[in-house]
Each structure stands twice: as C-alpha cells, then as structure tokens.
Amino acid sequence: MLLLPLAAAGHADQRVILVMGDSLSAAYNMEHEDGWVHRLDQRLQEQMPGWTVVNTSISGDTTRGGLSRLPRALERHQPDLVIIALGGNDGLRGVNPAEIGQNLTRMVELAQDADATVLLAGVRIPPNYGSAYTERFEQAFTQTAEATGARLLPRILDGVDERPELFMDDRIHPTEDAQPIILDNVWSKLGPLLRE
C-alpha cells in the first residue's frame, strides 16, 4: 500500500524523497511516528524545509516486490531522490545474490531514468548463512552501487546490529530506541546528497 507524504499535503513546491523499504523502514510493531522514516521527515522540516518524505515501505517486502511496485510509485510521487532499503528478506530466504543484485540494479536504473538520485541502503545477514553466501550477499549492494553510480550506505543497521538490547524479542526488528541510530546512519549519506 502506498502511503501519503508524511508532511502536510498541498506543498507542490517541495522536493520529494521516496523510501522503498521493508519492515526496517515501515516502523514495524511501533507507532508510525517512532520509525526512522518519520523522524527523517521531522529532521527535514527543521533543517531542510524544502523536502518531504513519502514512505512506501512494506513489512516483508523483497527486492522483487520492490521492483514490481517501483514504477507506479515513481509515476505517482515523482521523487527527486529515492532511498532503496530492500534485500534483508531476500537474504533471510536464501535468494540467489545474483538475483538480488539484478533486482536492485534495475530499481536504481528505473529511478535514475525518472531523474531521481538514488541512495542504496545495505544490510547484513546472520553469519549462520555461511561466509560464501554472506560475502556474495554484501557484494550485491556494492556491485550495484559501482555499476549504477548510486550512493551506498553499506549497513543501515551499523551500530545497532551489535547491540542485542536494541532488538525486539524476534531478534530481527530494531526497537524504538534504535530508530535515532538508523536515522543518523541514513543521514550520514543522505545529508551530503541533499546539500549537493
């Protein structure tokens, strides 16, 4: 389901950031206002009021699902910048990293064809998947960024995934306390892009 812009409607002069993600960006099991995407919108209102955020993230989504949804989202919201934060569910399901990379690359290309700048957010998967798969999984993000020129945030959960107390009981989804850290991770790459 596509969500309305987080900021107040009626600001046609505002530039749009589209977030295409999964549960990490969909404020899973918490109030919408506590998630990092809403916090991003608040930070933009304070620091860069010409920007607004549209969150199209869906819990459980994959790169294949994101790829199928992206064209409509681009047409509907006409974003200036797209944050792609997908791939974690692919990894947990053991999807071939080559397919993940192909889906991510196509998503970046679609966004760029729509004149949007792209920030690609990577994730890590648990080490029990084996070092070979883990390495190929991480390469799907780096190779996509290198091939397309998208800006890369290698680990959206940097500073979170090493701290068990920042995860819910399922040990997969970050808590409310983790959201400011996630926001700062995203902002470390997003802020310079916006200033450019």
N, C-alpha and C. Protein backbone atom coordinates (compact mmCIF):
# COMPACT_ATOMS: atom_id res chain seq x y z
N MET A 1 0.84 -1.18 0.00
CA MET A 1 0.00 0.00 0.00
C MET A 1 0.88 1.24 0.00
N LEU A 2 0.59 2.16 -0.92
CA LEU A 2 1.36 3.39 -0.98
C LEU A 2 0.80 4.38 0.02
N LEU A 3 1.71 4.98 0.78
CA LEU A 3 1.30 5.92 1.81
C LEU A 3 1.39 7.34 1.31
N LEU A 4 0.59 8.21 1.91
CA LEU A 4 0.64 9.61 1.55
C LEU A 4 1.91 10.23 2.10
N PRO A 5 2.34 11.37 1.52
CA PRO A 5 3.52 12.04 2.06
C PRO A 5 3.36 12.29 3.54
N LEU A 6 4.46 12.17 4.27
CA LEU A 6 4.42 12.35 5.71
C LEU A 6 4.16 13.80 6.07
N ALA A 7 4.65 14.71 5.26
CA ALA A 7 4.42 16.11 5.53
C ALA A 7 3.02 16.49 5.08
N ALA A 8 2.60 17.67 5.50
CA ALA A 8 1.27 18.13 5.14
C ALA A 8 1.12 18.23 3.63
N ALA A 9 -0.08 17.90 3.16
CA ALA A 9 -0.35 17.98 1.74
C ALA A 9 -0.46 19.43 1.31
N GLY A 10 -0.36 19.62 -0.02
CA GLY A 10 -0.54 20.95 -0.54
C GLY A 10 0.75 21.74 -0.71
N HIS A 11 1.89 21.04 -0.66
CA HIS A 11 3.17 21.71 -0.84
C HIS A 11 3.78 21.26 -2.16
N ALA A 12 3.20 21.71 -3.25
CA ALA A 12 3.64 21.27 -4.56
C ALA A 12 5.06 21.70 -4.88
N ASP A 13 5.54 22.73 -4.17
CA ASP A 13 6.88 23.22 -4.43
C ASP A 13 7.94 22.41 -3.70
N GLN A 14 7.54 21.47 -2.87
CA GLN A 14 8.50 20.69 -2.12
C GLN A 14 9.10 19.58 -2.96
N ARG A 15 10.36 19.27 -2.69
CA ARG A 15 11.03 18.16 -3.35
C ARG A 15 10.77 16.90 -2.53
N VAL A 16 10.72 15.77 -3.22
CA VAL A 16 10.24 14.53 -2.62
C VAL A 16 11.35 13.49 -2.50
N ILE A 17 11.43 12.88 -1.30
CA ILE A 17 12.25 11.70 -1.08
C ILE A 17 11.32 10.51 -0.95
N LEU A 18 11.51 9.51 -1.79
CA LEU A 18 10.71 8.29 -1.76
C LEU A 18 11.51 7.20 -1.07
N VAL A 19 10.93 6.59 -0.04
CA VAL A 19 11.58 5.48 0.66
C VAL A 19 10.89 4.19 0.25
N MET A 20 11.67 3.29 -0.35
CA MET A 20 11.17 1.99 -0.79
C MET A 20 11.89 0.94 0.04
N GLY A 21 11.20 0.44 1.09
CA GLY A 21 11.87 -0.46 2.00
C GLY A 21 10.97 -1.57 2.52
N ASP A 22 11.48 -2.26 3.54
CA ASP A 22 10.74 -3.35 4.17
C ASP A 22 10.42 -2.96 5.61
N SER A 23 10.33 -3.94 6.51
CA SER A 23 9.93 -3.66 7.89
C SER A 23 10.89 -2.72 8.61
N LEU A 24 12.16 -2.71 8.22
CA LEU A 24 13.12 -1.82 8.86
C LEU A 24 12.76 -0.36 8.65
N SER A 25 12.03 -0.09 7.57
CA SER A 25 11.63 1.28 7.25
C SER A 25 10.14 1.53 7.46
N ALA A 26 9.40 0.48 7.79
CA ALA A 26 7.94 0.57 7.91
C ALA A 26 7.46 0.72 9.35
N ALA A 27 8.38 1.05 10.27
CA ALA A 27 8.02 1.22 11.69
C ALA A 27 7.31 -0.02 12.22
N TYR A 28 7.91 -1.16 11.97
CA TYR A 28 7.32 -2.44 12.36
C TYR A 28 7.08 -2.50 13.87
N ASN A 29 5.85 -2.83 14.26
CA ASN A 29 5.46 -3.08 15.65
C ASN A 29 5.74 -1.89 16.57
N MET A 30 5.61 -0.69 16.02
CA MET A 30 5.75 0.52 16.82
C MET A 30 4.88 1.61 16.21
N GLU A 31 4.70 2.68 16.91
CA GLU A 31 3.94 3.80 16.38
C GLU A 31 4.66 4.37 15.16
N HIS A 32 3.87 4.73 14.17
CA HIS A 32 4.41 5.28 12.93
C HIS A 32 5.39 6.42 13.20
N GLU A 33 5.06 7.26 14.18
CA GLU A 33 5.87 8.44 14.46
C GLU A 33 7.23 8.09 15.06
N ASP A 34 7.40 6.86 15.55
CA ASP A 34 8.66 6.47 16.17
C ASP A 34 9.68 5.92 15.19
N GLY A 35 9.24 5.58 13.98
CA GLY A 35 10.14 4.99 12.99
C GLY A 35 11.13 6.00 12.44
N TRP A 36 12.23 5.50 11.90
CA TRP A 36 13.28 6.40 11.41
C TRP A 36 12.83 7.23 10.22
N VAL A 37 11.90 6.73 9.42
CA VAL A 37 11.47 7.49 8.25
C VAL A 37 10.69 8.74 8.67
N HIS A 38 9.80 8.58 9.64
CA HIS A 38 9.07 9.75 10.14
C HIS A 38 10.03 10.72 10.81
N ARG A 39 10.99 10.19 11.54
CA ARG A 39 12.00 11.04 12.17
C ARG A 39 12.81 11.80 11.12
N LEU A 40 13.05 11.14 9.98
CA LEU A 40 13.74 11.82 8.88
C LEU A 40 12.91 12.99 8.38
N ASP A 41 11.62 12.76 8.22
CA ASP A 41 10.76 13.85 7.75
C ASP A 41 10.79 15.02 8.73
N GLN A 42 10.79 14.72 10.02
CA GLN A 42 10.86 15.79 11.03
C GLN A 42 12.18 16.54 10.93
N ARG A 43 13.28 15.82 10.74
CA ARG A 43 14.58 16.48 10.62
C ARG A 43 14.63 17.39 9.39
N LEU A 44 14.04 16.91 8.32
CA LEU A 44 14.00 17.73 7.11
C LEU A 44 13.18 19.00 7.33
N GLN A 45 12.07 18.88 8.04
CA GLN A 45 11.25 20.06 8.31
C GLN A 45 12.05 21.12 9.05
N GLU A 46 12.95 20.65 9.93
CA GLU A 46 13.74 21.56 10.74
C GLU A 46 14.95 22.11 9.99
N GLN A 47 15.61 21.25 9.24
CA GLN A 47 16.90 21.63 8.65
C GLN A 47 16.83 21.94 7.16
N MET A 48 15.93 21.29 6.44
CA MET A 48 15.79 21.50 5.00
C MET A 48 14.31 21.48 4.64
N PRO A 49 13.58 22.52 4.99
CA PRO A 49 12.12 22.51 4.85
C PRO A 49 11.61 22.42 3.43
N GLY A 50 12.47 22.44 2.44
CA GLY A 50 12.01 22.28 1.06
C GLY A 50 11.80 20.84 0.66
N TRP A 51 12.07 19.90 1.58
CA TRP A 51 11.96 18.48 1.27
C TRP A 51 10.85 17.83 2.09
N THR A 52 10.23 16.81 1.51
CA THR A 52 9.25 16.00 2.22
C THR A 52 9.50 14.53 1.90
N VAL A 53 8.95 13.63 2.71
CA VAL A 53 9.21 12.19 2.57
C VAL A 53 7.92 11.44 2.27
N VAL A 54 7.99 10.52 1.34
CA VAL A 54 6.91 9.57 1.06
C VAL A 54 7.44 8.18 1.38
N ASN A 55 6.78 7.49 2.29
CA ASN A 55 7.23 6.16 2.70
C ASN A 55 6.33 5.09 2.09
N THR A 56 6.90 4.30 1.19
CA THR A 56 6.14 3.22 0.56
C THR A 56 6.62 1.85 1.05
N SER A 57 7.26 1.83 2.20
CA SER A 57 7.83 0.58 2.73
C SER A 57 6.73 -0.37 3.19
N ILE A 58 6.97 -1.66 2.99
CA ILE A 58 6.03 -2.71 3.37
C ILE A 58 6.79 -3.80 4.11
N SER A 59 6.33 -4.16 5.29
CA SER A 59 6.96 -5.25 6.04
C SER A 59 6.94 -6.53 5.23
N GLY A 60 8.07 -7.22 5.21
CA GLY A 60 8.17 -8.48 4.49
C GLY A 60 8.53 -8.34 3.02
N ASP A 61 8.66 -7.13 2.53
CA ASP A 61 8.91 -6.94 1.11
C ASP A 61 10.32 -7.40 0.73
N THR A 62 10.48 -7.72 -0.54
CA THR A 62 11.74 -8.19 -1.10
C THR A 62 12.15 -7.29 -2.26
N THR A 63 13.33 -7.53 -2.79
CA THR A 63 13.75 -6.74 -3.95
C THR A 63 12.84 -6.99 -5.15
N ARG A 64 12.34 -8.21 -5.27
CA ARG A 64 11.42 -8.50 -6.38
C ARG A 64 10.13 -7.72 -6.20
N GLY A 65 9.61 -7.69 -4.97
CA GLY A 65 8.39 -6.93 -4.71
C GLY A 65 8.60 -5.45 -4.91
N GLY A 66 9.73 -4.95 -4.44
CA GLY A 66 10.03 -3.53 -4.62
C GLY A 66 10.13 -3.16 -6.09
N LEU A 67 10.76 -4.03 -6.86
CA LEU A 67 10.89 -3.78 -8.29
C LEU A 67 9.53 -3.72 -8.97
N SER A 68 8.61 -4.57 -8.55
CA SER A 68 7.28 -4.57 -9.17
C SER A 68 6.48 -3.32 -8.78
N ARG A 69 6.75 -2.77 -7.58
CA ARG A 69 5.99 -1.62 -7.10
C ARG A 69 6.59 -0.28 -7.51
N LEU A 70 7.88 -0.28 -7.80
CA LEU A 70 8.58 0.99 -8.01
C LEU A 70 8.04 1.83 -9.17
N PRO A 71 7.76 1.27 -10.36
CA PRO A 71 7.30 2.12 -11.46
C PRO A 71 6.08 2.96 -11.10
N ARG A 72 5.10 2.34 -10.44
CA ARG A 72 3.90 3.09 -10.06
C ARG A 72 4.23 4.17 -9.04
N ALA A 73 5.11 3.84 -8.09
CA ALA A 73 5.48 4.82 -7.07
C ALA A 73 6.22 6.01 -7.69
N LEU A 74 7.07 5.73 -8.66
CA LEU A 74 7.78 6.82 -9.34
C LEU A 74 6.82 7.71 -10.10
N GLU A 75 5.87 7.08 -10.77
CA GLU A 75 4.89 7.86 -11.55
C GLU A 75 4.00 8.69 -10.64
N ARG A 76 3.60 8.09 -9.53
CA ARG A 76 2.67 8.78 -8.63
C ARG A 76 3.32 9.92 -7.87
N HIS A 77 4.53 9.69 -7.37
CA HIS A 77 5.13 10.67 -6.46
C HIS A 77 6.22 11.53 -7.08
N GLN A 78 6.73 11.11 -8.25
CA GLN A 78 7.75 11.88 -8.98
C GLN A 78 8.86 12.38 -8.04
N PRO A 79 9.55 11.45 -7.39
CA PRO A 79 10.55 11.85 -6.39
C PRO A 79 11.81 12.44 -7.03
N ASP A 80 12.47 13.27 -6.25
CA ASP A 80 13.78 13.80 -6.64
C ASP A 80 14.89 12.87 -6.15
N LEU A 81 14.59 12.12 -5.09
CA LEU A 81 15.58 11.20 -4.52
C LEU A 81 14.85 9.96 -4.02
N VAL A 82 15.45 8.80 -4.26
CA VAL A 82 14.86 7.52 -3.85
C VAL A 82 15.83 6.80 -2.92
N ILE A 83 15.34 6.38 -1.77
CA ILE A 83 16.11 5.54 -0.86
C ILE A 83 15.60 4.11 -1.02
N ILE A 84 16.47 3.22 -1.49
CA ILE A 84 16.12 1.81 -1.64
C ILE A 84 16.72 1.05 -0.47
N ALA A 85 15.87 0.54 0.39
CA ALA A 85 16.31 -0.17 1.59
C ALA A 85 15.68 -1.55 1.62
N LEU A 86 16.02 -2.36 0.64
CA LEU A 86 15.47 -3.71 0.50
C LEU A 86 16.60 -4.73 0.38
N GLY A 87 16.29 -5.97 0.62
CA GLY A 87 17.25 -7.04 0.46
C GLY A 87 17.36 -7.95 1.66
N GLY A 88 17.02 -7.43 2.84
CA GLY A 88 17.13 -8.24 4.04
C GLY A 88 16.26 -9.49 3.99
N ASN A 89 15.03 -9.35 3.54
CA ASN A 89 14.14 -10.51 3.45
C ASN A 89 14.60 -11.49 2.38
N ASP A 90 15.20 -10.96 1.31
CA ASP A 90 15.78 -11.85 0.29
C ASP A 90 16.85 -12.73 0.94
N GLY A 91 17.72 -12.08 1.70
CA GLY A 91 18.81 -12.82 2.34
C GLY A 91 18.31 -13.86 3.31
N LEU A 92 17.31 -13.50 4.12
CA LEU A 92 16.77 -14.44 5.09
C LEU A 92 16.11 -15.64 4.41
N ARG A 93 15.67 -15.45 3.17
CA ARG A 93 15.05 -16.55 2.42
C ARG A 93 16.05 -17.28 1.54
N GLY A 94 17.31 -16.85 1.57
CA GLY A 94 18.34 -17.52 0.79
C GLY A 94 18.24 -17.29 -0.70
N VAL A 95 17.67 -16.17 -1.11
CA VAL A 95 17.57 -15.84 -2.54
C VAL A 95 18.98 -15.70 -3.12
N ASN A 96 19.15 -16.15 -4.33
CA ASN A 96 20.44 -16.05 -5.01
C ASN A 96 20.90 -14.59 -5.04
N PRO A 97 22.10 -14.30 -4.52
CA PRO A 97 22.58 -12.91 -4.53
C PRO A 97 22.63 -12.29 -5.91
N ALA A 98 22.84 -13.11 -6.95
CA ALA A 98 22.83 -12.57 -8.31
C ALA A 98 21.46 -11.99 -8.65
N GLU A 99 20.40 -12.67 -8.23
CA GLU A 99 19.05 -12.15 -8.46
C GLU A 99 18.81 -10.88 -7.65
N ILE A 100 19.29 -10.86 -6.41
CA ILE A 100 19.15 -9.66 -5.58
C ILE A 100 19.83 -8.49 -6.27
N GLY A 101 21.05 -8.71 -6.75
CA GLY A 101 21.78 -7.65 -7.42
C GLY A 101 21.07 -7.17 -8.68
N GLN A 102 20.52 -8.10 -9.44
CA GLN A 102 19.79 -7.72 -10.66
C GLN A 102 18.57 -6.87 -10.34
N ASN A 103 17.83 -7.27 -9.30
CA ASN A 103 16.64 -6.51 -8.91
C ASN A 103 17.01 -5.12 -8.42
N LEU A 104 18.05 -5.04 -7.58
CA LEU A 104 18.49 -3.74 -7.08
C LEU A 104 18.97 -2.84 -8.21
N THR A 105 19.75 -3.42 -9.12
CA THR A 105 20.26 -2.64 -10.24
C THR A 105 19.12 -2.09 -11.08
N ARG A 106 18.13 -2.92 -11.36
CA ARG A 106 17.01 -2.47 -12.17
C ARG A 106 16.22 -1.38 -11.46
N MET A 107 16.07 -1.50 -10.14
CA MET A 107 15.38 -0.46 -9.38
C MET A 107 16.13 0.86 -9.45
N VAL A 108 17.43 0.80 -9.28
CA VAL A 108 18.23 2.03 -9.37
C VAL A 108 18.09 2.65 -10.75
N GLU A 109 18.17 1.82 -11.77
CA GLU A 109 18.08 2.33 -13.14
C GLU A 109 16.72 2.97 -13.41
N LEU A 110 15.65 2.35 -12.92
CA LEU A 110 14.32 2.93 -13.10
C LEU A 110 14.21 4.29 -12.43
N ALA A 111 14.75 4.40 -11.21
CA ALA A 111 14.72 5.68 -10.50
C ALA A 111 15.54 6.72 -11.23
N GLN A 112 16.71 6.33 -11.70
CA GLN A 112 17.56 7.27 -12.41
C GLN A 112 16.93 7.70 -13.74
N ASP A 113 16.25 6.77 -14.40
CA ASP A 113 15.55 7.12 -15.64
C ASP A 113 14.44 8.13 -15.38
N ALA A 114 13.94 8.15 -14.14
CA ALA A 114 12.91 9.11 -13.75
C ALA A 114 13.54 10.37 -13.16
N ASP A 115 14.85 10.55 -13.40
CA ASP A 115 15.59 11.74 -12.96
C ASP A 115 15.70 11.85 -11.44
N ALA A 116 15.73 10.72 -10.75
CA ALA A 116 15.89 10.74 -9.31
C ALA A 116 17.30 10.27 -8.94
N THR A 117 17.86 10.88 -7.92
CA THR A 117 19.10 10.43 -7.33
C THR A 117 18.78 9.25 -6.40
N VAL A 118 19.71 8.29 -6.27
CA VAL A 118 19.42 7.08 -5.50
C VAL A 118 20.43 6.89 -4.38
N LEU A 119 19.90 6.60 -3.19
CA LEU A 119 20.69 6.14 -2.06
C LEU A 119 20.31 4.69 -1.81
N LEU A 120 21.28 3.80 -1.90
CA LEU A 120 21.06 2.37 -1.71
C LEU A 120 21.55 1.98 -0.32
N ALA A 121 20.64 1.42 0.49
CA ALA A 121 20.97 1.05 1.86
C ALA A 121 21.12 -0.46 1.97
N GLY A 122 22.31 -0.90 2.37
CA GLY A 122 22.57 -2.32 2.51
C GLY A 122 22.33 -2.82 3.92
N VAL A 123 22.23 -4.13 4.05
CA VAL A 123 22.05 -4.77 5.35
C VAL A 123 22.99 -5.97 5.44
N ARG A 124 23.18 -6.43 6.66
CA ARG A 124 23.92 -7.67 6.87
C ARG A 124 22.94 -8.77 7.21
N ILE A 125 23.32 -10.00 6.95
CA ILE A 125 22.51 -11.14 7.34
C ILE A 125 23.28 -11.95 8.38
N PRO A 126 22.59 -12.77 9.16
CA PRO A 126 23.25 -13.54 10.20
C PRO A 126 24.37 -14.43 9.65
N PRO A 127 25.44 -14.63 10.41
CA PRO A 127 26.58 -15.41 9.93
C PRO A 127 26.28 -16.88 9.70
N ASN A 128 25.15 -17.38 10.23
CA ASN A 128 24.85 -18.80 10.06
C ASN A 128 24.50 -19.17 8.63
N TYR A 129 24.40 -18.18 7.74
CA TYR A 129 24.17 -18.47 6.33
C TYR A 129 25.46 -18.88 5.62
N GLY A 130 26.57 -18.78 6.32
CA GLY A 130 27.85 -19.19 5.74
C GLY A 130 28.58 -18.02 5.12
N SER A 131 29.89 -18.06 5.19
CA SER A 131 30.69 -16.92 4.73
C SER A 131 30.58 -16.69 3.22
N ALA A 132 30.46 -17.77 2.45
CA ALA A 132 30.37 -17.61 1.00
C ALA A 132 29.10 -16.85 0.61
N TYR A 133 27.97 -17.27 1.17
CA TYR A 133 26.71 -16.59 0.84
C TYR A 133 26.71 -15.16 1.36
N THR A 134 27.19 -14.99 2.59
CA THR A 134 27.21 -13.66 3.20
C THR A 134 28.03 -12.69 2.36
N GLU A 135 29.18 -13.15 1.88
CA GLU A 135 30.04 -12.29 1.06
C GLU A 135 29.36 -11.92 -0.25
N ARG A 136 28.75 -12.89 -0.91
CA ARG A 136 28.06 -12.63 -2.18
C ARG A 136 26.85 -11.72 -1.95
N PHE A 137 26.17 -11.90 -0.82
CA PHE A 137 25.03 -11.05 -0.50
C PHE A 137 25.46 -9.59 -0.36
N GLU A 138 26.53 -9.35 0.38
CA GLU A 138 27.01 -7.98 0.56
C GLU A 138 27.51 -7.39 -0.76
N GLN A 139 28.10 -8.23 -1.60
CA GLN A 139 28.59 -7.76 -2.89
C GLN A 139 27.45 -7.31 -3.80
N ALA A 140 26.26 -7.86 -3.61
CA ALA A 140 25.12 -7.44 -4.43
C ALA A 140 24.88 -5.95 -4.29
N PHE A 141 25.08 -5.41 -3.09
CA PHE A 141 24.88 -3.97 -2.86
C PHE A 141 26.04 -3.15 -3.40
N THR A 142 27.25 -3.58 -3.09
CA THR A 142 28.41 -2.81 -3.54
C THR A 142 28.53 -2.81 -5.06
N GLN A 143 28.28 -3.95 -5.67
CA GLN A 143 28.38 -4.03 -7.13
C GLN A 143 27.28 -3.22 -7.81
N THR A 144 26.09 -3.21 -7.22
CA THR A 144 25.02 -2.39 -7.78
C THR A 144 25.39 -0.91 -7.72
N ALA A 145 25.92 -0.48 -6.59
CA ALA A 145 26.32 0.92 -6.45
C ALA A 145 27.43 1.27 -7.44
N GLU A 146 28.40 0.40 -7.59
CA GLU A 146 29.50 0.66 -8.51
C GLU A 146 29.02 0.71 -9.95
N ALA A 147 28.09 -0.16 -10.31
CA ALA A 147 27.62 -0.25 -11.69
C ALA A 147 26.71 0.91 -12.08
N THR A 148 26.00 1.46 -11.09
CA THR A 148 24.98 2.47 -11.40
C THR A 148 25.35 3.88 -10.95
N GLY A 149 26.33 3.98 -10.07
CA GLY A 149 26.67 5.30 -9.53
C GLY A 149 25.79 5.73 -8.38
N ALA A 150 24.96 4.82 -7.89
CA ALA A 150 24.13 5.15 -6.72
C ALA A 150 25.02 5.33 -5.50
N ARG A 151 24.61 6.22 -4.61
CA ARG A 151 25.33 6.39 -3.34
C ARG A 151 24.99 5.20 -2.45
N LEU A 152 25.99 4.65 -1.77
CA LEU A 152 25.79 3.44 -0.97
C LEU A 152 25.97 3.71 0.51
N LEU A 153 24.99 3.27 1.30
CA LEU A 153 25.12 3.15 2.74
C LEU A 153 25.29 1.65 2.99
N PRO A 154 26.51 1.18 3.26
CA PRO A 154 26.74 -0.27 3.32
C PRO A 154 25.89 -1.00 4.36
N ARG A 155 25.68 -0.37 5.53
CA ARG A 155 24.96 -1.06 6.61
C ARG A 155 24.01 -0.08 7.28
N ILE A 156 22.75 -0.20 6.97
CA ILE A 156 21.77 0.70 7.57
C ILE A 156 21.65 0.48 9.08
N LEU A 157 22.01 -0.72 9.55
CA LEU A 157 21.92 -1.02 10.98
C LEU A 157 23.28 -0.93 11.68
N ASP A 158 24.20 -0.20 11.10
CA ASP A 158 25.50 -0.02 11.74
C ASP A 158 25.31 0.58 13.13
N GLY A 159 25.96 -0.02 14.13
CA GLY A 159 25.80 0.46 15.49
C GLY A 159 24.57 -0.07 16.19
N VAL A 160 23.74 -0.79 15.46
CA VAL A 160 22.54 -1.40 16.03
C VAL A 160 22.69 -2.91 16.10
N ASP A 161 23.13 -3.52 15.00
CA ASP A 161 23.15 -4.98 14.96
C ASP A 161 24.16 -5.63 15.90
N GLU A 162 25.05 -4.82 16.50
CA GLU A 162 25.97 -5.37 17.50
C GLU A 162 25.40 -5.29 18.92
N ARG A 163 24.19 -4.71 19.07
CA ARG A 163 23.62 -4.48 20.39
C ARG A 163 22.26 -5.19 20.52
N PRO A 164 22.25 -6.37 21.13
CA PRO A 164 21.02 -7.15 21.25
C PRO A 164 19.88 -6.40 21.93
N GLU A 165 20.21 -5.48 22.84
CA GLU A 165 19.16 -4.77 23.57
C GLU A 165 18.37 -3.82 22.67
N LEU A 166 18.87 -3.57 21.46
CA LEU A 166 18.18 -2.68 20.53
C LEU A 166 17.27 -3.43 19.57
N PHE A 167 17.03 -4.72 19.86
CA PHE A 167 16.16 -5.51 19.00
C PHE A 167 14.96 -6.03 19.79
N MET A 168 13.87 -6.23 19.08
CA MET A 168 12.69 -6.82 19.67
C MET A 168 12.95 -8.28 19.99
N ASP A 169 11.99 -8.94 20.62
CA ASP A 169 12.18 -10.31 21.04
C ASP A 169 12.47 -11.26 19.87
N ASP A 170 12.06 -10.88 18.65
CA ASP A 170 12.32 -11.74 17.50
C ASP A 170 13.78 -11.69 17.05
N ARG A 171 14.55 -10.76 17.60
CA ARG A 171 15.97 -10.59 17.30
C ARG A 171 16.23 -10.17 15.85
N ILE A 172 15.20 -9.70 15.17
CA ILE A 172 15.32 -9.27 13.78
C ILE A 172 15.00 -7.79 13.64
N HIS A 173 13.95 -7.34 14.33
CA HIS A 173 13.46 -5.98 14.14
C HIS A 173 13.97 -5.04 15.23
N PRO A 174 14.54 -3.91 14.84
CA PRO A 174 15.04 -2.94 15.83
C PRO A 174 13.89 -2.30 16.61
N THR A 175 14.20 -1.92 17.85
CA THR A 175 13.22 -1.27 18.71
C THR A 175 13.15 0.23 18.42
N GLU A 176 12.26 0.90 19.15
CA GLU A 176 12.15 2.35 19.04
C GLU A 176 13.47 3.03 19.39
N ASP A 177 14.18 2.49 20.37
CA ASP A 177 15.45 3.09 20.79
C ASP A 177 16.51 3.04 19.69
N ALA A 178 16.36 2.12 18.75
CA ALA A 178 17.32 2.00 17.66
C ALA A 178 17.07 2.99 16.54
N GLN A 179 15.87 3.55 16.47
CA GLN A 179 15.50 4.37 15.32
C GLN A 179 16.36 5.63 15.15
N PRO A 180 16.72 6.35 16.22
CA PRO A 180 17.60 7.50 16.03
C PRO A 180 18.96 7.12 15.45
N ILE A 181 19.47 5.94 15.81
CA ILE A 181 20.75 5.49 15.27
C ILE A 181 20.62 5.20 13.78
N ILE A 182 19.53 4.53 13.41
CA ILE A 182 19.28 4.24 12.00
C ILE A 182 19.16 5.55 11.22
N LEU A 183 18.44 6.50 11.77
CA LEU A 183 18.29 7.79 11.11
C LEU A 183 19.65 8.44 10.89
N ASP A 184 20.50 8.42 11.91
CA ASP A 184 21.82 9.04 11.77
C ASP A 184 22.65 8.32 10.72
N ASN A 185 22.52 7.00 10.62
CA ASN A 185 23.21 6.26 9.58
C ASN A 185 22.77 6.72 8.19
N VAL A 186 21.46 6.81 8.01
CA VAL A 186 20.93 7.25 6.71
C VAL A 186 21.36 8.69 6.44
N TRP A 187 21.28 9.52 7.44
CA TRP A 187 21.60 10.94 7.28
C TRP A 187 23.07 11.16 6.90
N SER A 188 23.94 10.26 7.36
CA SER A 188 25.37 10.40 7.04
C SER A 188 25.62 10.38 5.55
N LYS A 189 24.79 9.69 4.80
CA LYS A 189 24.91 9.65 3.33
C LYS A 189 23.90 10.58 2.66
N LEU A 190 22.71 10.67 3.25
CA LEU A 190 21.65 11.47 2.64
C LEU A 190 21.93 12.96 2.75
N GLY A 191 22.39 13.40 3.90
CA GLY A 191 22.64 14.83 4.09
C GLY A 191 23.52 15.42 3.01
N PRO A 192 24.68 14.83 2.74
CA PRO A 192 25.54 15.36 1.67
C PRO A 192 24.85 15.36 0.30
N LEU A 193 24.04 14.32 0.02
CA LEU A 193 23.33 14.28 -1.26
C LEU A 193 22.37 15.45 -1.38
N LEU A 194 21.66 15.77 -0.31
CA LEU A 194 20.70 16.87 -0.34
C LEU A 194 21.42 18.20 -0.49
N ARG A 195 22.56 18.34 0.15
CA ARG A 195 23.31 19.59 0.04
C ARG A 195 23.91 19.76 -1.36
N GLU A 196 24.19 18.64 -2.01
CA GLU A 196 24.69 18.71 -3.39
C GLU A 196 23.61 19.24 -4.34
